[in-house]
Amino acid sequence: MNRDDKTLRDIVILNIKYYREQAKMSQEDLSLKLGRKKDFIEKLEDKGMYRRLLTIVLLDDIARILNVPVARFLDNTL
């Protein structure tokens, strides 16, 4: 499946992973900075779990931690 076939939620999750890796931050580190269990981001990114927990508030927190504007997580062109 290419990016054009993905839902907006899928695109946001792909972009979370991309910007987290660009920040050289582990899944565990981001999870802990969010105040979540250490495997929260792993389950979100790799296993598709917790997808329904991806809210605007959570995305805003992730954007702040990664120092990335929220709008970039909606970008389908990466």
Protein backbone atom coordinates (compact mmCIF):
# COMPACT_ATOMS: atom_id res chain seq x y z
CA MET A 1 0.00 0.00 0.00
CA ASN A 2 1.44 3.36 -0.95
CA ARG A 3 0.92 6.59 0.97
CA ASP A 4 -1.94 7.61 -1.32
CA ASP A 5 -3.97 4.58 -0.18
CA LYS A 6 -3.54 5.28 3.52
CA THR A 7 -5.95 6.98 5.87
CA LEU A 8 -5.07 10.27 7.50
CA ARG A 9 -4.43 8.41 10.76
CA ASP A 10 -1.98 6.09 8.94
CA ILE A 11 -0.17 9.10 7.47
CA VAL A 12 0.08 10.79 10.88
CA ILE A 13 1.54 7.60 12.41
CA LEU A 14 4.08 7.28 9.57
CA ASN A 15 5.06 10.91 10.12
CA ILE A 16 5.38 10.45 13.87
CA LYS A 17 7.87 7.67 13.18
CA TYR A 18 9.70 9.75 10.56
CA TYR A 19 10.11 12.83 12.77
CA ARG A 20 10.94 10.73 15.84
CA GLU A 21 13.75 9.05 13.90
CA GLN A 22 14.91 12.43 12.57
CA ALA A 23 15.15 13.59 16.19
CA LYS A 24 17.18 10.44 16.96
CA MET A 25 14.72 9.55 19.69
CA SER A 26 13.80 5.98 20.53
CA GLN A 27 10.23 4.77 20.75
CA GLU A 28 10.74 4.18 24.45
CA ASP A 29 12.09 7.69 25.05
CA LEU A 30 9.14 9.32 23.29
CA SER A 31 6.70 7.11 25.18
CA LEU A 32 8.20 8.06 28.51
CA LYS A 33 8.30 11.78 27.64
CA LEU A 34 4.59 11.49 26.91
CA GLY A 35 4.03 9.94 30.33
CA ARG A 36 2.95 6.63 28.77
CA LYS A 37 4.10 3.05 29.15
CA LYS A 38 7.50 2.50 27.59
CA ASP A 39 6.06 0.48 24.69
CA PHE A 40 3.26 2.91 23.80
CA ILE A 41 4.92 4.38 20.68
CA GLU A 42 6.17 0.97 19.57
CA LYS A 43 2.62 -0.36 19.65
CA LEU A 44 1.32 2.73 17.87
CA GLU A 45 3.96 2.78 15.11
CA ASP A 46 4.75 -0.88 14.55
CA LYS A 47 1.74 -2.86 15.60
CA GLY A 48 -1.08 -0.47 14.77
CA MET A 49 -2.38 -0.70 18.31
CA TYR A 50 -3.58 2.39 20.17
CA ARG A 51 -4.61 3.98 16.86
CA ARG A 52 -7.85 5.16 18.42
CA LEU A 53 -5.90 6.86 21.20
CA LEU A 54 -4.25 9.16 18.68
CA THR A 55 -6.00 12.43 19.50
CA ILE A 56 -5.27 16.04 18.66
CA VAL A 57 -4.06 16.54 22.23
CA LEU A 58 -1.66 13.58 21.97
CA LEU A 59 -0.45 14.75 18.55
CA ASP A 60 0.15 18.23 19.95
CA ASP A 61 2.20 16.72 22.79
CA ILE A 62 4.25 14.65 20.33
CA ALA A 63 4.80 17.71 18.11
CA ARG A 64 6.00 19.74 21.10
CA ILE A 65 8.42 17.01 22.24
CA LEU A 66 9.80 16.51 18.72
CA ASN A 67 9.81 20.26 18.03
CA VAL A 68 7.81 19.82 14.83
CA PRO A 69 4.74 21.86 13.81
CA VAL A 70 1.56 19.77 14.09
CA ALA A 71 0.70 20.44 10.43
CA ARG A 72 3.75 18.49 9.30
CA PHE A 73 2.24 15.28 10.68
CA LEU A 74 -0.59 15.66 8.16
CA ASP A 75 1.79 15.88 5.19
CA ASN A 76 1.28 13.03 2.73
CA THR A 77 4.43 13.74 0.69
CA LEU A 78 7.27 12.43 2.88
